[in-house]
Amino acid sequence: MQRSQIKKALTIMNILEFYQQTYTYDTGNNLTNLSHQANSDAWQQTLTIHPNNNRGTENNNQNNFDANGNLLHLDNIANLEWY
């Protein structure tokens, strides 16, 4: 390995961190909440299940995807651009 590759690998290793994810399920074993906890940040995602079946309902994040289904925005990170 070259010196520059080693420095790059060490830089990447310094930004990695341990995290914990917690999952919550309803009585029908449907995933309803995902929580992510790390030293640098925390976030959660709530999933809504239709009351008459086990399907997820539409959320208010319709603008997070383009016409091809590409994700356009990640909370707490940045906007994504696809070429």
PDB file of N, CA and C in Angstrom:
ATOM      1  N   MET A   1       0.834  -1.172   0.000  1.00  0.00           N
ATOM      2  CA  MET A   1       0.000   0.000   0.000  1.00  0.00           C
ATOM      3  C   MET A   1       0.885   1.243   0.000  1.00  0.00           C
ATOM      4  N   GLN A   2       0.511   2.211  -0.800  1.00  0.00           N
ATOM      5  CA  GLN A   2       1.263   3.453  -0.833  1.00  0.00           C
ATOM      6  C   GLN A   2       0.904   4.332   0.361  1.00  0.00           C
ATOM      7  N   ARG A   3       1.795   5.244   0.684  1.00  0.00           N
ATOM      8  CA  ARG A   3       1.599   6.125   1.837  1.00  0.00           C
ATOM      9  C   ARG A   3       0.287   6.916   1.730  1.00  0.00           C
ATOM     10  N   SER A   4      -0.034   7.419   0.533  1.00  0.00           N
ATOM     11  CA  SER A   4      -1.271   8.194   0.357  1.00  0.00           C
ATOM     12  C   SER A   4      -2.505   7.327   0.590  1.00  0.00           C
ATOM     13  N   GLN A   5      -2.447   6.060   0.191  1.00  0.00           N
ATOM     14  CA  GLN A   5      -3.571   5.151   0.415  1.00  0.00           C
ATOM     15  C   GLN A   5      -3.749   4.873   1.903  1.00  0.00           C
ATOM     16  N   ILE A   6      -2.661   4.742   2.617  1.00  0.00           N
ATOM     17  CA  ILE A   6      -2.731   4.499   4.063  1.00  0.00           C
ATOM     18  C   ILE A   6      -3.338   5.709   4.764  1.00  0.00           C
ATOM     19  N   LYS A   7      -2.903   6.917   4.382  1.00  0.00           N
ATOM     20  CA  LYS A   7      -3.443   8.133   4.992  1.00  0.00           C
ATOM     21  C   LYS A   7      -4.945   8.246   4.730  1.00  0.00           C
ATOM     22  N   LYS A   8      -5.357   7.918   3.505  1.00  0.00           N
ATOM     23  CA  LYS A   8      -6.776   7.979   3.155  1.00  0.00           C
ATOM     24  C   LYS A   8      -7.572   6.966   3.972  1.00  0.00           C
ATOM     25  N   ALA A   9      -7.063   5.753   4.106  1.00  0.00           N
ATOM     26  CA  ALA A   9      -7.743   4.719   4.889  1.00  0.00           C
ATOM     27  C   ALA A   9      -7.874   5.136   6.347  1.00  0.00           C
ATOM     28  N   LEU A  10      -6.831   5.724   6.915  1.00  0.00           N
ATOM     29  CA  LEU A  10      -6.886   6.176   8.308  1.00  0.00           C
ATOM     30  C   LEU A  10      -7.879   7.314   8.484  1.00  0.00           C
ATOM     31  N   THR A  11      -7.985   8.199   7.511  1.00  0.00           N
ATOM     32  CA  THR A  11      -8.956   9.292   7.570  1.00  0.00           C
ATOM     33  C   THR A  11     -10.372   8.738   7.577  1.00  0.00           C
ATOM     34  N   ILE A  12     -10.640   7.779   6.717  1.00  0.00           N
ATOM     35  CA  ILE A  12     -11.965   7.161   6.664  1.00  0.00           C
ATOM     36  C   ILE A  12     -12.271   6.459   7.982  1.00  0.00           C
ATOM     37  N   MET A  13     -11.299   5.761   8.539  1.00  0.00           N
ATOM     38  CA  MET A  13     -11.519   5.055   9.804  1.00  0.00           C
ATOM     39  C   MET A  13     -11.832   6.030  10.936  1.00  0.00           C
ATOM     40  N   ASN A  14     -11.291   7.235  10.888  1.00  0.00           N
ATOM     41  CA  ASN A  14     -11.538   8.214  11.939  1.00  0.00           C
ATOM     42  C   ASN A  14     -12.949   8.779  11.900  1.00  0.00           C
ATOM     43  N   ILE A  15     -13.637   8.708  10.759  1.00  0.00           N
ATOM     44  CA  ILE A  15     -14.995   9.226  10.701  1.00  0.00           C
ATOM     45  C   ILE A  15     -16.044   8.147  10.960  1.00  0.00           C
ATOM     46  N   LEU A  16     -15.636   6.894  11.017  1.00  0.00           N
ATOM     47  CA  LEU A  16     -16.564   5.818  11.346  1.00  0.00           C
ATOM     48  C   LEU A  16     -16.846   5.834  12.837  1.00  0.00           C
ATOM     49  N   GLU A  17     -18.045   5.431  13.213  1.00  0.00           N
ATOM     50  CA  GLU A  17     -18.377   5.383  14.626  1.00  0.00           C
ATOM     51  C   GLU A  17     -19.404   4.287  14.882  1.00  0.00           C
ATOM     52  N   PHE A  18     -19.480   3.859  16.112  1.00  0.00           N
ATOM     53  CA  PHE A  18     -20.482   2.883  16.504  1.00  0.00           C
ATOM     54  C   PHE A  18     -21.844   3.564  16.553  1.00  0.00           C
ATOM     55  N   TYR A  19     -22.878   2.793  16.305  1.00  0.00           N
ATOM     56  CA  TYR A  19     -24.237   3.315  16.391  1.00  0.00           C
ATOM     57  C   TYR A  19     -25.159   2.208  16.873  1.00  0.00           C
ATOM     58  N   GLN A  20     -26.348   2.608  17.274  1.00  0.00           N
ATOM     59  CA  GLN A  20     -27.359   1.650  17.706  1.00  0.00           C
ATOM     60  C   GLN A  20     -28.645   1.967  16.966  1.00  0.00           C
ATOM     61  N   GLN A  21     -29.288   0.934  16.449  1.00  0.00           N
ATOM     62  CA  GLN A  21     -30.585   1.108  15.823  1.00  0.00           C
ATOM     63  C   GLN A  21     -31.615   0.327  16.620  1.00  0.00           C
ATOM     64  N   THR A  22     -32.760   0.957  16.818  1.00  0.00           N
ATOM     65  CA  THR A  22     -33.852   0.348  17.560  1.00  0.00           C
ATOM     66  C   THR A  22     -35.072   0.281  16.652  1.00  0.00           C
ATOM     67  N   TYR A  23     -35.738  -0.847  16.662  1.00  0.00           N
ATOM     68  CA  TYR A  23     -36.905  -1.061  15.817  1.00  0.00           C
ATOM     69  C   TYR A  23     -38.134  -1.253  16.696  1.00  0.00           C
ATOM     70  N   THR A  24     -39.255  -0.674  16.282  1.00  0.00           N
ATOM     71  CA  THR A  24     -40.518  -0.829  16.993  1.00  0.00           C
ATOM     72  C   THR A  24     -41.530  -1.445  16.030  1.00  0.00           C
ATOM     73  N   TYR A  25     -42.287  -2.409  16.537  1.00  0.00           N
ATOM     74  CA  TYR A  25     -43.277  -3.113  15.728  1.00  0.00           C
ATOM     75  C   TYR A  25     -44.653  -2.996  16.373  1.00  0.00           C
ATOM     76  N   ASP A  26     -45.708  -3.028  15.552  1.00  0.00           N
ATOM     77  CA  ASP A  26     -47.061  -3.038  16.094  1.00  0.00           C
ATOM     78  C   ASP A  26     -47.470  -4.475  16.423  1.00  0.00           C
ATOM     79  N   THR A  27     -48.725  -4.657  16.837  1.00  0.00           N
ATOM     80  CA  THR A  27     -49.186  -5.990  17.250  1.00  0.00           C
ATOM     81  C   THR A  27     -49.237  -6.982  16.085  1.00  0.00           C
ATOM     82  N   GLY A  28     -49.240  -6.489  14.847  1.00  0.00           N
ATOM     83  CA  GLY A  28     -49.216  -7.361  13.676  1.00  0.00           C
ATOM     84  C   GLY A  28     -47.813  -7.593  13.146  1.00  0.00           C
ATOM     85  N   ASN A  29     -46.805  -7.246  13.938  1.00  0.00           N
ATOM     86  CA  ASN A  29     -45.390  -7.388  13.574  1.00  0.00           C
ATOM     87  C   ASN A  29     -44.978  -6.533  12.378  1.00  0.00           C
ATOM     88  N   ASN A  30     -45.671  -5.417  12.160  1.00  0.00           N
ATOM     89  CA  ASN A  30     -45.286  -4.465  11.125  1.00  0.00           C
ATOM     90  C   ASN A  30     -44.310  -3.455  11.718  1.00  0.00           C
ATOM     91  N   LEU A  31     -43.237  -3.174  11.012  1.00  0.00           N
ATOM     92  CA  LEU A  31     -42.277  -2.168  11.452  1.00  0.00           C
ATOM     93  C   LEU A  31     -42.957  -0.804  11.464  1.00  0.00           C
ATOM     94  N   THR A  32     -42.934  -0.125  12.606  1.00  0.00           N
ATOM     95  CA  THR A  32     -43.583   1.179  12.718  1.00  0.00           C
ATOM     96  C   THR A  32     -42.615   2.308  13.034  1.00  0.00           C
ATOM     97  N   ASN A  33     -41.424   1.988  13.543  1.00  0.00           N
ATOM     98  CA  ASN A  33     -40.463   3.033  13.869  1.00  0.00           C
ATOM     99  C   ASN A  33     -39.049   2.476  13.811  1.00  0.00           C
ATOM    100  N   LEU A  34     -38.159   3.270  13.263  1.00  0.00           N
ATOM    101  CA  LEU A  34     -36.733   2.947  13.210  1.00  0.00           C
ATOM    102  C   LEU A  34     -35.991   4.132  13.803  1.00  0.00           C
ATOM    103  N   SER A  35     -35.230   3.898  14.865  1.00  0.00           N
ATOM    104  CA  SER A  35     -34.453   4.951  15.518  1.00  0.00           C
ATOM    105  C   SER A  35     -32.973   4.645  15.368  1.00  0.00           C
ATOM    106  N   HIS A  36     -32.201   5.659  15.021  1.00  0.00           N
ATOM    107  CA  HIS A  36     -30.757   5.535  14.833  1.00  0.00           C
ATOM    108  C   HIS A  36     -30.083   6.482  15.813  1.00  0.00           C
ATOM    109  N   GLN A  37     -29.191   5.956  16.638  1.00  0.00           N
ATOM    110  CA  GLN A  37     -28.491   6.760  17.643  1.00  0.00           C
ATOM    111  C   GLN A  37     -26.993   6.557  17.496  1.00  0.00           C
ATOM    112  N   ALA A  38     -26.272   7.659  17.307  1.00  0.00           N
ATOM    113  CA  ALA A  38     -24.808   7.657  17.263  1.00  0.00           C
ATOM    114  C   ALA A  38     -24.326   8.861  18.058  1.00  0.00           C
ATOM    115  N   ASN A  39     -23.049   8.904  18.356  1.00  0.00           N
ATOM    116  CA  ASN A  39     -22.521  10.055  19.089  1.00  0.00           C
ATOM    117  C   ASN A  39     -22.679  11.347  18.305  1.00  0.00           C
ATOM    118  N   SER A  40     -22.537  11.287  16.997  1.00  0.00           N
ATOM    119  CA  SER A  40     -22.581  12.494  16.182  1.00  0.00           C
ATOM    120  C   SER A  40     -23.987  12.933  15.799  1.00  0.00           C
ATOM    121  N   ASP A  41     -24.942  12.024  15.799  1.00  0.00           N
ATOM    122  CA  ASP A  41     -26.273  12.375  15.317  1.00  0.00           C
ATOM    123  C   ASP A  41     -27.279  11.314  15.740  1.00  0.00           C
ATOM    124  N   ALA A  42     -28.534  11.691  15.702  1.00  0.00           N
ATOM    125  CA  ALA A  42     -29.629  10.759  15.966  1.00  0.00           C
ATOM    126  C   ALA A  42     -30.781  11.126  15.040  1.00  0.00           C
ATOM    127  N   TRP A  43     -31.505  10.125  14.581  1.00  0.00           N
ATOM    128  CA  TRP A  43     -32.674  10.368  13.755  1.00  0.00           C
ATOM    129  C   TRP A  43     -33.629   9.201  13.910  1.00  0.00           C
ATOM    130  N   GLN A  44     -34.854   9.414  13.476  1.00  0.00           N
ATOM    131  CA  GLN A  44     -35.818   8.316  13.485  1.00  0.00           C
ATOM    132  C   GLN A  44     -36.740   8.441  12.289  1.00  0.00           C
ATOM    133  N   GLN A  45     -37.289   7.310  11.907  1.00  0.00           N
ATOM    134  CA  GLN A  45     -38.235   7.260  10.810  1.00  0.00           C
ATOM    135  C   GLN A  45     -39.477   6.544  11.306  1.00  0.00           C
ATOM    136  N   THR A  46     -40.615   7.178  11.119  1.00  0.00           N
ATOM    137  CA  THR A  46     -41.882   6.586  11.518  1.00  0.00           C
ATOM    138  C   THR A  46     -42.601   6.083  10.272  1.00  0.00           C
ATOM    139  N   LEU A  47     -43.058   4.847  10.325  1.00  0.00           N
ATOM    140  CA  LEU A  47     -43.785   4.251   9.213  1.00  0.00           C
ATOM    141  C   LEU A  47     -45.237   4.079   9.636  1.00  0.00           C
ATOM    142  N   THR A  48     -46.146   4.493   8.783  1.00  0.00           N
ATOM    143  CA  THR A  48     -47.563   4.399   9.094  1.00  0.00           C
ATOM    144  C   THR A  48     -48.160   3.211   8.347  1.00  0.00           C
ATOM    145  N   ILE A  49     -48.839   2.354   9.081  1.00  0.00           N
ATOM    146  CA  ILE A  49     -49.469   1.161   8.508  1.00  0.00           C
ATOM    147  C   ILE A  49     -50.968   1.416   8.387  1.00  0.00           C
ATOM    148  N   HIS A  50     -51.535   1.082   7.234  1.00  0.00           N
ATOM    149  CA  HIS A  50     -52.969   1.257   7.020  1.00  0.00           C
ATOM    150  C   HIS A  50     -53.730   0.426   8.047  1.00  0.00           C
ATOM    151  N   PRO A  51     -54.768   0.970   8.659  1.00  0.00           N
ATOM    152  CA  PRO A  51     -55.474   0.243   9.723  1.00  0.00           C
ATOM    153  C   PRO A  51     -56.236  -0.994   9.255  1.00  0.00           C
ATOM    154  N   ASN A  52     -56.555  -1.103   7.952  1.00  0.00           N
ATOM    155  CA  ASN A  52     -57.340  -2.236   7.467  1.00  0.00           C
ATOM    156  C   ASN A  52     -56.512  -3.334   6.806  1.00  0.00           C
ATOM    157  N   ASN A  53     -55.189  -3.137   6.715  1.00  0.00           N
ATOM    158  CA  ASN A  53     -54.329  -4.169   6.142  1.00  0.00           C
ATOM    159  C   ASN A  53     -52.919  -3.962   6.684  1.00  0.00           C
ATOM    160  N   ASN A  54     -51.972  -4.715   6.196  1.00  0.00           N
ATOM    161  CA  ASN A  54     -50.608  -4.586   6.718  1.00  0.00           C
ATOM    162  C   ASN A  54     -49.696  -3.822   5.763  1.00  0.00           C
ATOM    163  N   ARG A  55     -50.276  -2.957   4.946  1.00  0.00           N
ATOM    164  CA  ARG A  55     -49.479  -2.196   3.991  1.00  0.00           C
ATOM    165  C   ARG A  55     -49.145  -0.812   4.540  1.00  0.00           C
ATOM    166  N   GLY A  56     -47.946  -0.370   4.208  1.00  0.00           N
ATOM    167  CA  GLY A  56     -47.561   0.980   4.596  1.00  0.00           C
ATOM    168  C   GLY A  56     -48.375   1.995   3.813  1.00  0.00           C
ATOM    169  N   THR A  57     -48.692   3.106   4.454  1.00  0.00           N
ATOM    170  CA  THR A  57     -49.436   4.163   3.778  1.00  0.00           C
ATOM    171  C   THR A  57     -48.459   5.172   3.202  1.00  0.00           C
ATOM    172  N   GLU A  58     -48.940   5.992   2.295  1.00  0.00           N
ATOM    173  CA  GLU A  58     -48.088   7.018   1.705  1.00  0.00           C
ATOM    174  C   GLU A  58     -47.696   8.020   2.776  1.00  0.00           C
ATOM    175  N   ASN A  59     -46.498   8.512   2.652  1.00  0.00           N
ATOM    176  CA  ASN A  59     -46.058   9.529   3.598  1.00  0.00           C
ATOM    177  C   ASN A  59     -46.000  10.880   2.904  1.00  0.00           C
ATOM    178  N   ASN A  60     -45.563  11.880   3.627  1.00  0.00           N
ATOM    179  CA  ASN A  60     -45.499  13.234   3.080  1.00  0.00           C
ATOM    180  C   ASN A  60     -44.173  13.530   2.400  1.00  0.00           C
ATOM    181  N   ASN A  61     -43.375  12.526   2.138  1.00  0.00           N
ATOM    182  CA  ASN A  61     -42.061  12.723   1.548  1.00  0.00           C
ATOM    183  C   ASN A  61     -42.073  12.481   0.043  1.00  0.00           C
ATOM    184  N   GLN A  62     -43.145  12.840  -0.613  1.00  0.00           N
ATOM    185  CA  GLN A  62     -43.270  12.571  -2.041  1.00  0.00           C
ATOM    186  C   GLN A  62     -42.231  13.318  -2.861  1.00  0.00           C
ATOM    187  N   ASN A  63     -41.720  14.427  -2.363  1.00  0.00           N
ATOM    188  CA  ASN A  63     -40.734  15.204  -3.108  1.00  0.00           C
ATOM    189  C   ASN A  63     -39.316  14.711  -2.883  1.00  0.00           C
ATOM    190  N   ASN A  64     -39.140  13.627  -2.157  1.00  0.00           N
ATOM    191  CA  ASN A  64     -37.800  13.107  -1.906  1.00  0.00           C
ATOM    192  C   ASN A  64     -37.276  12.252  -3.052  1.00  0.00           C
ATOM    193  N   PHE A  65     -38.111  11.978  -4.058  1.00  0.00           N
ATOM    194  CA  PHE A  65     -37.710  11.120  -5.170  1.00  0.00           C
ATOM    195  C   PHE A  65     -38.005  11.812  -6.494  1.00  0.00           C
ATOM    196  N   ASP A  66     -37.154  11.567  -7.494  1.00  0.00           N
ATOM    197  CA  ASP A  66     -37.431  12.105  -8.820  1.00  0.00           C
ATOM    198  C   ASP A  66     -38.332  11.133  -9.588  1.00  0.00           C
ATOM    199  N   ALA A  67     -38.631  11.454 -10.847  1.00  0.00           N
ATOM    200  CA  ALA A  67     -39.541  10.632 -11.651  1.00  0.00           C
ATOM    201  C   ALA A  67     -39.011   9.226 -11.886  1.00  0.00           C
ATOM    202  N   ASN A  68     -37.698   9.021 -11.768  1.00  0.00           N
ATOM    203  CA  ASN A  68     -37.096   7.698 -11.950  1.00  0.00           C
ATOM    204  C   ASN A  68     -36.963   6.923 -10.652  1.00  0.00           C
ATOM    205  N   GLY A  69     -37.424   7.497  -9.548  1.00  0.00           N
ATOM    206  CA  GLY A  69     -37.338   6.816  -8.264  1.00  0.00           C
ATOM    207  C   GLY A  69     -36.039   7.040  -7.523  1.00  0.00           C
ATOM    208  N   ASN A  70     -35.189   7.943  -8.008  1.00  0.00           N
ATOM    209  CA  ASN A  70     -33.926   8.234  -7.331  1.00  0.00           C
ATOM    210  C   ASN A  70     -34.161   9.128  -6.119  1.00  0.00           C
ATOM    211  N   LEU A  71     -33.546   8.783  -5.009  1.00  0.00           N
ATOM    212  CA  LEU A  71     -33.655   9.573  -3.794  1.00  0.00           C
ATOM    213  C   LEU A  71     -32.966  10.914  -3.994  1.00  0.00           C
ATOM    214  N   LEU A  72     -33.659  12.011  -3.646  1.00  0.00           N
ATOM    215  CA  LEU A  72     -33.117  13.347  -3.865  1.00  0.00           C
ATOM    216  C   LEU A  72     -32.604  14.011  -2.599  1.00  0.00           C
ATOM    217  N   HIS A  73     -33.056  13.571  -1.438  1.00  0.00           N
ATOM    218  CA  HIS A  73     -32.689  14.250  -0.199  1.00  0.00           C
ATOM    219  C   HIS A  73     -32.590  13.247   0.936  1.00  0.00           C
ATOM    220  N   LEU A  74     -31.552  13.393   1.732  1.00  0.00           N
ATOM    221  CA  LEU A  74     -31.391  12.618   2.955  1.00  0.00           C
ATOM    222  C   LEU A  74     -31.425  13.586   4.128  1.00  0.00           C
ATOM    223  N   ASP A  75     -32.276  13.338   5.097  1.00  0.00           N
ATOM    224  CA  ASP A  75     -32.332  14.191   6.277  1.00  0.00           C
ATOM    225  C   ASP A  75     -30.979  14.222   6.955  1.00  0.00           C
ATOM    226  N   ASN A  76     -30.596  15.373   7.414  1.00  0.00           N
ATOM    227  CA  ASN A  76     -29.363  15.594   8.179  1.00  0.00           C
ATOM    228  C   ASN A  76     -28.087  15.363   7.379  1.00  0.00           C
ATOM    229  N   ILE A  77     -28.188  15.144   6.071  1.00  0.00           N
ATOM    230  CA  ILE A  77     -26.966  14.931   5.298  1.00  0.00           C
ATOM    231  C   ILE A  77     -26.877  15.985   4.195  1.00  0.00           C
ATOM    232  N   ALA A  78     -27.575  15.812   3.121  1.00  0.00           N
ATOM    233  CA  ALA A  78     -27.480  16.762   2.012  1.00  0.00           C
ATOM    234  C   ALA A  78     -28.453  16.372   0.914  1.00  0.00           C
ATOM    235  N   ASN A  79     -28.537  17.236  -0.082  1.00  0.00           N
ATOM    236  CA  ASN A  79     -29.279  16.904  -1.285  1.00  0.00           C
ATOM    237  C   ASN A  79     -28.412  16.019  -2.164  1.00  0.00           C
ATOM    238  N   LEU A  80     -29.051  15.130  -2.903  1.00  0.00           N
ATOM    239  CA  LEU A  80     -28.336  14.216  -3.790  1.00  0.00           C
ATOM    240  C   LEU A  80     -28.584  14.631  -5.232  1.00  0.00           C
ATOM    241  N   GLU A  81     -27.584  14.520  -6.058  1.00  0.00           N
ATOM    242  CA  GLU A  81     -27.719  14.824  -7.477  1.00  0.00           C
ATOM    243  C   GLU A  81     -27.364  13.582  -8.279  1.00  0.00           C
ATOM    244  N   TRP A  82     -28.201  13.258  -9.259  1.00  0.00           N
ATOM    245  CA  TRP A  82     -27.992  12.083 -10.101  1.00  0.00           C
ATOM    246  C   TRP A  82     -27.683  12.545 -11.512  1.00  0.00           C
ATOM    247  N   TYR A  83     -26.662  11.951 -12.120  1.00  0.00           N
ATOM    248  CA  TYR A  83     -26.247  12.314 -13.482  1.00  0.00           C
ATOM    249  C   TYR A  83     -26.416  11.155 -14.415  1.00  0.00           C
TER     250      TYR A  83
END
